[in-house]
Amino acid sequence: MLINSDVDSTTTMTNIIASTALKARQLTEAEIHEIEHEKTHYPYAQAVGLEALKIVQKHQGWVSDESLLAVAEYLDIPPDDLEGVATFFNMIFRRPVGKHVILLCDSVACWILGCDDLKAHISKTLGIDYGETTEDGLFTLIPVPCLGDCDKAPSMMVGRELYRNLTTEKIDQIIADHKSKA
């Protein structure tokens, strides 16, 4: 997404995104190595954009503006194109998240089976709402439109682990388990 700005004729608009940072950070050697490996699977650099963002997120925990600019520069693609990719996919985190990201499904099946009550329980238990992170940095709560597990609804994911047939008691146990791992 471009921002309005007074720029001189030598500055290209593709170098400006809705960001607090206008300078790319240096990608790490590990990030570059993994991005180069991904490039072998795709016919052109722009196709690697999403995978490169996933790699950066794996190493950094989220994709900062500086990281997005670094990937755009490295792959020689416009930053606004990459920003579009990053904001389209809800698993690319564009701001810091907790150690454990809770993805609570709010699809029709989960909604019918009480996801609103479960969300209220999680919010009360952790003291956070959607898009927020606990003060201790352990949990971030994010809604997702579907986890593809409707026959076992309501469901949520914490990290890469899927939890099904949720109840408030199950959620309390899941939270306790993840707190004990911290």
N, C-alpha and C. Protein backbone atom coordinates (compact mmCIF):
# COMPACT_ATOMS: atom_id res chain seq x y z
N MET A 1 0.84 -1.16 0.00
CA MET A 1 0.00 0.00 0.00
C MET A 1 0.89 1.23 0.00
N LEU A 2 0.68 2.13 -0.91
CA LEU A 2 1.48 3.33 -1.01
C LEU A 2 0.93 4.40 -0.08
N ILE A 3 1.83 5.25 0.40
CA ILE A 3 1.40 6.39 1.20
C ILE A 3 1.60 7.65 0.39
N ASN A 4 0.82 8.66 0.70
CA ASN A 4 1.01 9.95 0.04
C ASN A 4 2.23 10.61 0.63
N SER A 5 3.05 11.17 -0.22
CA SER A 5 4.27 11.79 0.26
C SER A 5 4.77 12.77 -0.78
N ASP A 6 5.39 13.82 -0.29
CA ASP A 6 6.07 14.73 -1.20
C ASP A 6 7.43 14.12 -1.50
N VAL A 7 7.59 13.61 -2.70
CA VAL A 7 8.86 13.01 -3.09
C VAL A 7 9.37 13.71 -4.33
N ASP A 8 10.69 13.80 -4.42
CA ASP A 8 11.23 14.43 -5.62
C ASP A 8 11.18 13.44 -6.78
N SER A 9 11.44 13.91 -7.94
CA SER A 9 11.28 13.08 -9.13
C SER A 9 12.28 11.94 -9.20
N THR A 10 13.31 11.94 -8.38
CA THR A 10 14.28 10.85 -8.41
C THR A 10 13.89 9.70 -7.50
N THR A 11 12.86 9.89 -6.67
CA THR A 11 12.41 8.83 -5.77
C THR A 11 11.26 8.09 -6.41
N THR A 12 11.35 6.79 -6.45
CA THR A 12 10.25 6.02 -7.03
C THR A 12 9.24 5.69 -5.95
N MET A 13 7.98 5.68 -6.31
CA MET A 13 6.91 5.40 -5.36
C MET A 13 6.97 3.95 -4.87
N THR A 14 7.57 3.04 -5.63
CA THR A 14 7.62 1.65 -5.18
C THR A 14 8.57 1.47 -4.01
N ASN A 15 9.33 2.49 -3.67
CA ASN A 15 10.21 2.39 -2.52
C ASN A 15 9.54 2.89 -1.24
N ILE A 16 8.29 3.31 -1.35
CA ILE A 16 7.59 3.83 -0.19
C ILE A 16 6.35 2.97 0.06
N ILE A 17 6.27 2.40 1.25
CA ILE A 17 5.08 1.65 1.64
C ILE A 17 4.54 2.28 2.91
N ALA A 18 3.35 1.87 3.29
CA ALA A 18 2.77 2.38 4.54
C ALA A 18 3.57 1.80 5.69
N SER A 19 4.60 2.49 6.06
CA SER A 19 5.58 1.94 6.97
C SER A 19 6.20 3.04 7.83
N THR A 20 6.71 2.61 8.96
CA THR A 20 7.49 3.53 9.78
C THR A 20 8.96 3.45 9.40
N ALA A 21 9.31 2.50 8.58
CA ALA A 21 10.70 2.31 8.19
C ALA A 21 10.84 2.50 6.69
N LEU A 22 11.86 3.22 6.31
CA LEU A 22 12.12 3.40 4.89
C LEU A 22 13.43 2.76 4.48
N LYS A 23 14.03 1.99 5.37
CA LYS A 23 15.30 1.36 5.07
C LYS A 23 15.23 -0.13 5.42
N ALA A 24 15.71 -0.94 4.50
CA ALA A 24 15.71 -2.38 4.70
C ALA A 24 16.79 -2.79 5.69
N ARG A 25 16.56 -3.83 6.43
CA ARG A 25 17.59 -4.41 7.28
C ARG A 25 18.37 -5.41 6.43
N GLN A 26 19.45 -5.91 6.95
CA GLN A 26 20.21 -6.95 6.25
C GLN A 26 19.60 -8.31 6.57
N LEU A 27 19.34 -9.10 5.54
CA LEU A 27 18.89 -10.47 5.78
C LEU A 27 20.06 -11.26 6.37
N THR A 28 19.75 -12.21 7.22
CA THR A 28 20.79 -13.04 7.80
C THR A 28 21.26 -14.07 6.78
N GLU A 29 22.42 -14.65 7.03
CA GLU A 29 22.93 -15.69 6.13
C GLU A 29 21.97 -16.87 6.06
N ALA A 30 21.39 -17.23 7.19
CA ALA A 30 20.44 -18.36 7.23
C ALA A 30 19.21 -18.04 6.38
N GLU A 31 18.70 -16.81 6.50
CA GLU A 31 17.53 -16.42 5.71
C GLU A 31 17.86 -16.46 4.22
N ILE A 32 19.00 -15.91 3.85
CA ILE A 32 19.41 -15.90 2.44
C ILE A 32 19.57 -17.32 1.92
N HIS A 33 20.19 -18.18 2.70
CA HIS A 33 20.39 -19.57 2.29
C HIS A 33 19.04 -20.24 2.02
N GLU A 34 18.09 -20.06 2.92
CA GLU A 34 16.78 -20.69 2.74
C GLU A 34 16.00 -20.07 1.58
N ILE A 35 16.11 -18.77 1.40
CA ILE A 35 15.43 -18.13 0.27
C ILE A 35 16.03 -18.62 -1.04
N GLU A 36 17.36 -18.73 -1.10
CA GLU A 36 18.01 -19.25 -2.31
C GLU A 36 17.55 -20.67 -2.62
N HIS A 37 17.39 -21.48 -1.58
CA HIS A 37 16.88 -22.85 -1.79
C HIS A 37 15.46 -22.80 -2.38
N GLU A 38 14.61 -21.93 -1.83
CA GLU A 38 13.24 -21.81 -2.35
C GLU A 38 13.23 -21.34 -3.79
N LYS A 39 14.16 -20.48 -4.17
CA LYS A 39 14.21 -19.97 -5.54
C LYS A 39 14.40 -21.09 -6.56
N THR A 40 14.99 -22.20 -6.13
CA THR A 40 15.19 -23.33 -7.06
C THR A 40 13.88 -24.01 -7.42
N HIS A 41 12.82 -23.74 -6.67
CA HIS A 41 11.52 -24.38 -6.90
C HIS A 41 10.55 -23.53 -7.71
N TYR A 42 10.94 -22.31 -8.05
CA TYR A 42 10.03 -21.38 -8.70
C TYR A 42 10.66 -20.82 -9.97
N PRO A 43 9.83 -20.51 -10.97
CA PRO A 43 10.36 -20.02 -12.25
C PRO A 43 10.86 -18.58 -12.22
N TYR A 44 10.38 -17.76 -11.30
CA TYR A 44 10.82 -16.37 -11.25
C TYR A 44 10.77 -15.87 -9.80
N ALA A 45 11.52 -14.83 -9.53
CA ALA A 45 11.73 -14.34 -8.16
C ALA A 45 10.44 -13.94 -7.45
N GLN A 46 9.53 -13.29 -8.15
CA GLN A 46 8.31 -12.81 -7.49
C GLN A 46 7.51 -13.96 -6.90
N ALA A 47 7.59 -15.12 -7.50
CA ALA A 47 6.85 -16.28 -7.00
C ALA A 47 7.38 -16.75 -5.65
N VAL A 48 8.58 -16.36 -5.29
CA VAL A 48 9.20 -16.77 -4.03
C VAL A 48 8.81 -15.84 -2.88
N GLY A 49 8.14 -14.75 -3.18
CA GLY A 49 7.82 -13.74 -2.18
C GLY A 49 7.19 -14.27 -0.92
N LEU A 50 6.12 -15.06 -1.05
CA LEU A 50 5.44 -15.59 0.13
C LEU A 50 6.36 -16.51 0.93
N GLU A 51 7.08 -17.38 0.24
CA GLU A 51 7.99 -18.30 0.94
C GLU A 51 9.10 -17.53 1.66
N ALA A 52 9.59 -16.47 1.03
CA ALA A 52 10.64 -15.66 1.65
C ALA A 52 10.10 -14.98 2.92
N LEU A 53 8.86 -14.51 2.87
CA LEU A 53 8.25 -13.91 4.06
C LEU A 53 8.10 -14.94 5.18
N LYS A 54 7.71 -16.15 4.81
CA LYS A 54 7.60 -17.23 5.81
C LYS A 54 8.96 -17.53 6.45
N ILE A 55 10.00 -17.50 5.64
CA ILE A 55 11.36 -17.76 6.14
C ILE A 55 11.77 -16.67 7.12
N VAL A 56 11.56 -15.43 6.74
CA VAL A 56 11.90 -14.32 7.64
C VAL A 56 11.11 -14.44 8.94
N GLN A 57 9.83 -14.74 8.84
CA GLN A 57 9.00 -14.88 10.03
C GLN A 57 9.48 -16.02 10.92
N LYS A 58 9.91 -17.10 10.32
CA LYS A 58 10.43 -18.23 11.09
C LYS A 58 11.65 -17.79 11.92
N HIS A 59 12.50 -16.98 11.33
CA HIS A 59 13.71 -16.54 12.02
C HIS A 59 13.50 -15.35 12.95
N GLN A 60 12.59 -14.45 12.58
CA GLN A 60 12.42 -13.21 13.33
C GLN A 60 11.18 -13.20 14.24
N GLY A 61 10.25 -14.13 14.01
CA GLY A 61 9.02 -14.17 14.79
C GLY A 61 7.87 -13.42 14.14
N TRP A 62 8.18 -12.48 13.26
CA TRP A 62 7.19 -11.70 12.53
C TRP A 62 7.91 -11.00 11.39
N VAL A 63 7.17 -10.32 10.53
CA VAL A 63 7.77 -9.63 9.38
C VAL A 63 7.65 -8.13 9.59
N SER A 64 8.73 -7.53 10.04
CA SER A 64 8.77 -6.08 10.23
C SER A 64 8.81 -5.38 8.88
N ASP A 65 8.56 -4.07 8.91
CA ASP A 65 8.66 -3.28 7.67
C ASP A 65 10.07 -3.38 7.09
N GLU A 66 11.08 -3.33 7.97
CA GLU A 66 12.47 -3.43 7.51
C GLU A 66 12.74 -4.79 6.86
N SER A 67 12.14 -5.83 7.40
CA SER A 67 12.30 -7.17 6.82
C SER A 67 11.60 -7.28 5.49
N LEU A 68 10.39 -6.71 5.39
CA LEU A 68 9.67 -6.74 4.13
C LEU A 68 10.46 -6.01 3.05
N LEU A 69 11.02 -4.87 3.39
CA LEU A 69 11.84 -4.13 2.43
C LEU A 69 13.09 -4.92 2.04
N ALA A 70 13.68 -5.62 3.00
CA ALA A 70 14.87 -6.43 2.71
C ALA A 70 14.54 -7.54 1.73
N VAL A 71 13.42 -8.21 1.94
CA VAL A 71 13.02 -9.30 1.03
C VAL A 71 12.72 -8.72 -0.36
N ALA A 72 12.01 -7.59 -0.40
CA ALA A 72 11.70 -6.97 -1.69
C ALA A 72 12.97 -6.61 -2.45
N GLU A 73 13.92 -6.03 -1.75
CA GLU A 73 15.19 -5.68 -2.39
C GLU A 73 15.92 -6.93 -2.86
N TYR A 74 15.98 -7.94 -2.00
CA TYR A 74 16.72 -9.16 -2.33
C TYR A 74 16.13 -9.85 -3.56
N LEU A 75 14.79 -9.89 -3.63
CA LEU A 75 14.13 -10.57 -4.75
C LEU A 75 13.88 -9.64 -5.93
N ASP A 76 14.22 -8.34 -5.74
CA ASP A 76 14.03 -7.33 -6.78
C ASP A 76 12.58 -7.29 -7.24
N ILE A 77 11.69 -7.18 -6.27
CA ILE A 77 10.26 -7.01 -6.56
C ILE A 77 9.77 -5.77 -5.82
N PRO A 78 8.75 -5.10 -6.32
CA PRO A 78 8.26 -3.89 -5.67
C PRO A 78 7.76 -4.18 -4.24
N PRO A 79 8.13 -3.36 -3.29
CA PRO A 79 7.69 -3.57 -1.91
C PRO A 79 6.17 -3.57 -1.76
N ASP A 80 5.48 -2.75 -2.56
CA ASP A 80 4.02 -2.74 -2.44
C ASP A 80 3.41 -4.05 -2.91
N ASP A 81 4.01 -4.72 -3.88
CA ASP A 81 3.54 -6.05 -4.29
C ASP A 81 3.71 -7.04 -3.14
N LEU A 82 4.86 -6.99 -2.50
CA LEU A 82 5.14 -7.90 -1.39
C LEU A 82 4.24 -7.59 -0.19
N GLU A 83 3.97 -6.31 0.04
CA GLU A 83 3.05 -5.90 1.11
C GLU A 83 1.66 -6.49 0.85
N GLY A 84 1.24 -6.49 -0.40
CA GLY A 84 -0.05 -7.09 -0.76
C GLY A 84 -0.10 -8.58 -0.42
N VAL A 85 0.98 -9.27 -0.68
CA VAL A 85 1.08 -10.69 -0.34
C VAL A 85 1.04 -10.86 1.18
N ALA A 86 1.83 -10.05 1.87
CA ALA A 86 1.93 -10.17 3.33
C ALA A 86 0.61 -9.90 4.02
N THR A 87 -0.14 -8.93 3.54
CA THR A 87 -1.39 -8.60 4.20
C THR A 87 -2.55 -9.48 3.76
N PHE A 88 -2.42 -10.15 2.62
CA PHE A 88 -3.47 -11.07 2.16
C PHE A 88 -3.46 -12.36 2.98
N PHE A 89 -2.29 -12.88 3.27
CA PHE A 89 -2.18 -14.16 3.98
C PHE A 89 -2.16 -13.90 5.48
N ASN A 90 -3.19 -14.41 6.18
CA ASN A 90 -3.32 -14.11 7.61
C ASN A 90 -2.29 -14.81 8.48
N MET A 91 -1.46 -15.65 7.94
CA MET A 91 -0.43 -16.32 8.72
C MET A 91 0.92 -15.60 8.62
N ILE A 92 0.95 -14.49 7.91
CA ILE A 92 2.13 -13.63 7.92
C ILE A 92 1.83 -12.53 8.92
N PHE A 93 2.61 -12.49 9.98
CA PHE A 93 2.37 -11.53 11.05
C PHE A 93 3.18 -10.27 10.79
N ARG A 94 2.47 -9.15 10.65
CA ARG A 94 3.12 -7.88 10.32
C ARG A 94 3.41 -7.03 11.55
N ARG A 95 3.18 -7.58 12.71
CA ARG A 95 3.59 -6.94 13.95
C ARG A 95 3.94 -8.05 14.93
N PRO A 96 4.66 -7.71 15.99
CA PRO A 96 5.10 -8.76 16.93
C PRO A 96 3.92 -9.54 17.50
N VAL A 97 4.15 -10.83 17.67
CA VAL A 97 3.15 -11.72 18.26
C VAL A 97 3.77 -12.45 19.44
N GLY A 98 2.92 -13.08 20.23
CA GLY A 98 3.39 -13.84 21.37
C GLY A 98 4.07 -15.12 20.94
N LYS A 99 4.69 -15.77 21.90
CA LYS A 99 5.37 -17.04 21.65
C LYS A 99 4.39 -18.08 21.12
N HIS A 100 3.15 -18.04 21.64
CA HIS A 100 2.11 -18.97 21.21
C HIS A 100 0.98 -18.18 20.58
N VAL A 101 0.77 -18.37 19.28
CA VAL A 101 -0.31 -17.70 18.57
C VAL A 101 -1.53 -18.62 18.58
N ILE A 102 -2.61 -18.12 19.15
CA ILE A 102 -3.87 -18.86 19.20
C ILE A 102 -4.73 -18.39 18.03
N LEU A 103 -5.04 -19.31 17.13
CA LEU A 103 -5.91 -19.02 16.00
C LEU A 103 -7.26 -19.65 16.31
N LEU A 104 -8.23 -18.83 16.65
CA LEU A 104 -9.56 -19.32 17.00
C LEU A 104 -10.46 -19.24 15.78
N CYS A 105 -10.99 -20.38 15.38
CA CYS A 105 -11.85 -20.45 14.22
C CYS A 105 -13.19 -19.81 14.54
N ASP A 106 -13.65 -18.92 13.64
CA ASP A 106 -14.96 -18.30 13.83
C ASP A 106 -15.85 -18.55 12.61
N SER A 107 -15.65 -19.72 11.97
CA SER A 107 -16.48 -20.10 10.83
C SER A 107 -17.91 -20.35 11.30
N VAL A 108 -18.80 -20.57 10.37
CA VAL A 108 -20.20 -20.82 10.71
C VAL A 108 -20.34 -22.02 11.64
N ALA A 109 -19.65 -23.11 11.33
CA ALA A 109 -19.76 -24.31 12.17
C ALA A 109 -19.26 -24.02 13.58
N CYS A 110 -18.13 -23.36 13.71
CA CYS A 110 -17.60 -23.03 15.04
C CYS A 110 -18.50 -22.03 15.75
N TRP A 111 -19.05 -21.10 15.01
CA TRP A 111 -19.94 -20.10 15.60
C TRP A 111 -21.19 -20.77 16.16
N ILE A 112 -21.79 -21.66 15.37
CA ILE A 112 -23.00 -22.37 15.82
C ILE A 112 -22.72 -23.16 17.09
N LEU A 113 -21.50 -23.68 17.20
CA LEU A 113 -21.14 -24.52 18.34
C LEU A 113 -20.46 -23.74 19.47
N GLY A 114 -20.55 -22.41 19.44
CA GLY A 114 -20.17 -21.63 20.60
C GLY A 114 -18.81 -20.97 20.61
N CYS A 115 -18.24 -20.68 19.46
CA CYS A 115 -16.91 -20.05 19.46
C CYS A 115 -16.93 -18.66 20.10
N ASP A 116 -18.06 -17.97 20.05
CA ASP A 116 -18.13 -16.65 20.69
C ASP A 116 -17.94 -16.77 22.20
N ASP A 117 -18.56 -17.77 22.80
CA ASP A 117 -18.39 -17.99 24.24
C ASP A 117 -16.96 -18.42 24.56
N LEU A 118 -16.37 -19.24 23.69
CA LEU A 118 -14.99 -19.67 23.90
C LEU A 118 -14.03 -18.50 23.76
N LYS A 119 -14.30 -17.62 22.80
CA LYS A 119 -13.47 -16.42 22.63
C LYS A 119 -13.55 -15.55 23.88
N ALA A 120 -14.76 -15.39 24.42
CA ALA A 120 -14.93 -14.60 25.64
C ALA A 120 -14.16 -15.23 26.80
N HIS A 121 -14.17 -16.55 26.87
CA HIS A 121 -13.44 -17.25 27.93
C HIS A 121 -11.93 -17.05 27.79
N ILE A 122 -11.43 -17.20 26.57
CA ILE A 122 -10.00 -16.99 26.32
C ILE A 122 -9.62 -15.55 26.66
N SER A 123 -10.43 -14.61 26.21
CA SER A 123 -10.15 -13.19 26.48
C SER A 123 -10.12 -12.91 27.98
N LYS A 124 -11.07 -13.47 28.71
CA LYS A 124 -11.11 -13.25 30.15
C LYS A 124 -9.92 -13.93 30.83
N THR A 125 -9.60 -15.15 30.42
CA THR A 125 -8.51 -15.91 31.02
C THR A 125 -7.16 -15.24 30.79
N LEU A 126 -6.93 -14.78 29.57
CA LEU A 126 -5.62 -14.21 29.21
C LEU A 126 -5.58 -12.69 29.31
N GLY A 127 -6.74 -12.06 29.40
CA GLY A 127 -6.77 -10.60 29.49
C GLY A 127 -6.45 -9.91 28.18
N ILE A 128 -6.79 -10.57 27.06
CA ILE A 128 -6.53 -10.00 25.74
C ILE A 128 -7.74 -10.17 24.85
N ASP A 129 -7.80 -9.36 23.80
CA ASP A 129 -8.84 -9.47 22.79
C ASP A 129 -8.15 -9.88 21.48
N TYR A 130 -8.94 -10.03 20.43
CA TYR A 130 -8.36 -10.35 19.13
C TYR A 130 -7.29 -9.33 18.76
N GLY A 131 -6.18 -9.83 18.26
CA GLY A 131 -5.09 -8.97 17.80
C GLY A 131 -4.16 -8.51 18.90
N GLU A 132 -4.43 -8.93 20.13
CA GLU A 132 -3.60 -8.49 21.25
C GLU A 132 -2.71 -9.62 21.76
N THR A 133 -1.67 -9.22 22.48
CA THR A 133 -0.71 -10.15 23.06
C THR A 133 -0.69 -9.95 24.57
N THR A 134 -0.57 -11.06 25.30
CA THR A 134 -0.51 -10.97 26.76
C THR A 134 0.72 -10.18 27.18
N GLU A 135 0.63 -9.59 28.35
CA GLU A 135 1.73 -8.76 28.86
C GLU A 135 3.04 -9.54 28.97
N ASP A 136 2.95 -10.84 29.26
CA ASP A 136 4.16 -11.65 29.39
C ASP A 136 4.71 -12.11 28.03
N GLY A 137 4.01 -11.74 26.95
CA GLY A 137 4.48 -12.09 25.61
C GLY A 137 4.27 -13.54 25.22
N LEU A 138 3.47 -14.26 25.98
CA LEU A 138 3.27 -15.69 25.69
C LEU A 138 2.20 -15.96 24.64
N PHE A 139 1.09 -15.22 24.67
CA PHE A 139 -0.04 -15.56 23.80
C PHE A 139 -0.51 -14.35 23.00
N THR A 140 -0.87 -14.61 21.75
CA THR A 140 -1.56 -13.66 20.90
C THR A 140 -2.80 -14.37 20.39
N LEU A 141 -3.94 -13.68 20.40
CA LEU A 141 -5.22 -14.25 19.96
C LEU A 141 -5.62 -13.65 18.63
N ILE A 142 -5.85 -14.51 17.64
CA ILE A 142 -6.21 -14.06 16.29
C ILE A 142 -7.39 -14.89 15.79
N PRO A 143 -8.41 -14.24 15.23
CA PRO A 143 -9.51 -15.00 14.63
C PRO A 143 -9.10 -15.51 13.25
N VAL A 144 -9.61 -16.66 12.87
CA VAL A 144 -9.40 -17.16 11.51
C VAL A 144 -10.76 -17.61 10.97
N PRO A 145 -11.00 -17.39 9.68
CA PRO A 145 -12.32 -17.70 9.12
C PRO A 145 -12.62 -19.18 9.01
N CYS A 146 -11.60 -20.03 8.97
CA CYS A 146 -11.86 -21.46 8.88
C CYS A 146 -10.57 -22.23 9.06
N LEU A 147 -10.64 -23.29 9.86
CA LEU A 147 -9.49 -24.19 10.01
C LEU A 147 -9.73 -25.51 9.28
N GLY A 148 -10.86 -25.62 8.59
CA GLY A 148 -11.15 -26.82 7.81
C GLY A 148 -11.41 -28.04 8.67
N ASP A 149 -11.94 -27.84 9.85
CA ASP A 149 -12.17 -28.94 10.78
C ASP A 149 -13.61 -28.89 11.30
N CYS A 150 -14.54 -28.58 10.42
CA CYS A 150 -15.92 -28.31 10.81
C CYS A 150 -16.61 -29.49 11.51
N ASP A 151 -16.24 -30.70 11.16
CA ASP A 151 -16.88 -31.85 11.80
C ASP A 151 -16.42 -32.05 13.25
N LYS A 152 -15.40 -31.32 13.66
CA LYS A 152 -14.89 -31.42 15.04
C LYS A 152 -14.92 -30.04 15.71
N ALA A 153 -15.80 -29.17 15.22
CA ALA A 153 -15.91 -27.81 15.73
C ALA A 153 -16.48 -27.81 17.15
N PRO A 154 -16.17 -26.75 17.90
CA PRO A 154 -15.29 -25.64 17.59
C PRO A 154 -13.82 -26.04 17.71
N SER A 155 -12.99 -25.34 16.95
CA SER A 155 -11.58 -25.69 16.93
C SER A 155 -10.69 -24.44 16.94
N MET A 156 -9.44 -24.68 17.30
CA MET A 156 -8.44 -23.61 17.28
C MET A 156 -7.07 -24.26 17.09
N MET A 157 -6.12 -23.43 16.70
CA MET A 157 -4.74 -23.87 16.61
C MET A 157 -3.92 -23.03 17.57
N VAL A 158 -2.93 -23.65 18.16
CA VAL A 158 -1.91 -22.94 18.91
C VAL A 158 -0.60 -23.38 18.28
N GLY A 159 0.06 -22.43 17.61
CA GLY A 159 1.23 -22.80 16.82
C GLY A 159 0.77 -23.68 15.67
N ARG A 160 1.35 -24.84 15.58
CA ARG A 160 0.99 -25.78 14.51
C ARG A 160 0.07 -26.91 14.99
N GLU A 161 -0.34 -26.82 16.24
CA GLU A 161 -1.17 -27.88 16.82
C GLU A 161 -2.65 -27.51 16.78
N LEU A 162 -3.46 -28.43 16.23
CA LEU A 162 -4.90 -28.23 16.10
C LEU A 162 -5.61 -28.86 17.29
N TYR A 163 -6.54 -28.10 17.86
CA TYR A 163 -7.35 -28.58 18.99
C TYR A 163 -8.81 -28.58 18.57
N ARG A 164 -9.51 -29.69 18.86
CA ARG A 164 -10.86 -29.89 18.36
C ARG A 164 -11.85 -30.08 19.49
N ASN A 165 -13.14 -29.97 19.13
CA ASN A 165 -14.23 -30.20 20.09
C ASN A 165 -13.98 -29.43 21.38
N LEU A 166 -13.69 -28.16 21.23
CA LEU A 166 -13.27 -27.34 22.37
C LEU A 166 -14.38 -27.10 23.38
N THR A 167 -13.97 -27.05 24.63
CA THR A 167 -14.80 -26.61 25.74
C THR A 167 -13.94 -25.64 26.54
N THR A 168 -14.55 -24.94 27.48
CA THR A 168 -13.75 -24.03 28.30
C THR A 168 -12.73 -24.81 29.12
N GLU A 169 -13.10 -26.01 29.56
CA GLU A 169 -12.16 -26.83 30.33
C GLU A 169 -10.96 -27.24 29.48
N LYS A 170 -11.22 -27.64 28.23
CA LYS A 170 -10.12 -28.00 27.32
C LYS A 170 -9.21 -26.80 27.06
N ILE A 171 -9.82 -25.64 26.88
CA ILE A 171 -9.04 -24.43 26.63
C ILE A 171 -8.16 -24.11 27.84
N ASP A 172 -8.71 -24.22 29.03
CA ASP A 172 -7.92 -23.98 30.24
C ASP A 172 -6.72 -24.91 30.30
N GLN A 173 -6.91 -26.18 29.94
CA GLN A 173 -5.82 -27.15 29.95
C GLN A 173 -4.77 -26.83 28.88
N ILE A 174 -5.23 -26.44 27.71
CA ILE A 174 -4.32 -26.09 26.61
C ILE A 174 -3.46 -24.89 27.01
N ILE A 175 -4.08 -23.88 27.59
CA ILE A 175 -3.36 -22.69 28.03
C ILE A 175 -2.34 -23.06 29.12
N ALA A 176 -2.78 -23.86 30.08
CA ALA A 176 -1.89 -24.29 31.16
C ALA A 176 -0.70 -25.08 30.61
N ASP A 177 -0.96 -25.97 29.66
CA ASP A 177 0.11 -26.76 29.05
C ASP A 177 1.15 -25.86 28.37
N HIS A 178 0.66 -24.87 27.63
CA HIS A 178 1.58 -23.98 26.92
C HIS A 178 2.32 -23.04 27.88
N LYS A 179 1.68 -22.66 28.96
CA LYS A 179 2.37 -21.84 29.96
C LYS A 179 3.49 -22.64 30.62
N SER A 180 3.24 -23.93 30.85
CA SER A 180 4.26 -24.76 31.52
C SER A 180 5.46 -25.01 30.62
N LYS A 181 5.29 -24.90 29.30
CA LYS A 181 6.38 -25.09 28.35
C LYS A 181 7.26 -23.84 28.22
N ALA A 182 6.74 -22.72 28.72
CA ALA A 182 7.45 -21.44 28.56
C ALA A 182 8.66 -21.31 29.44
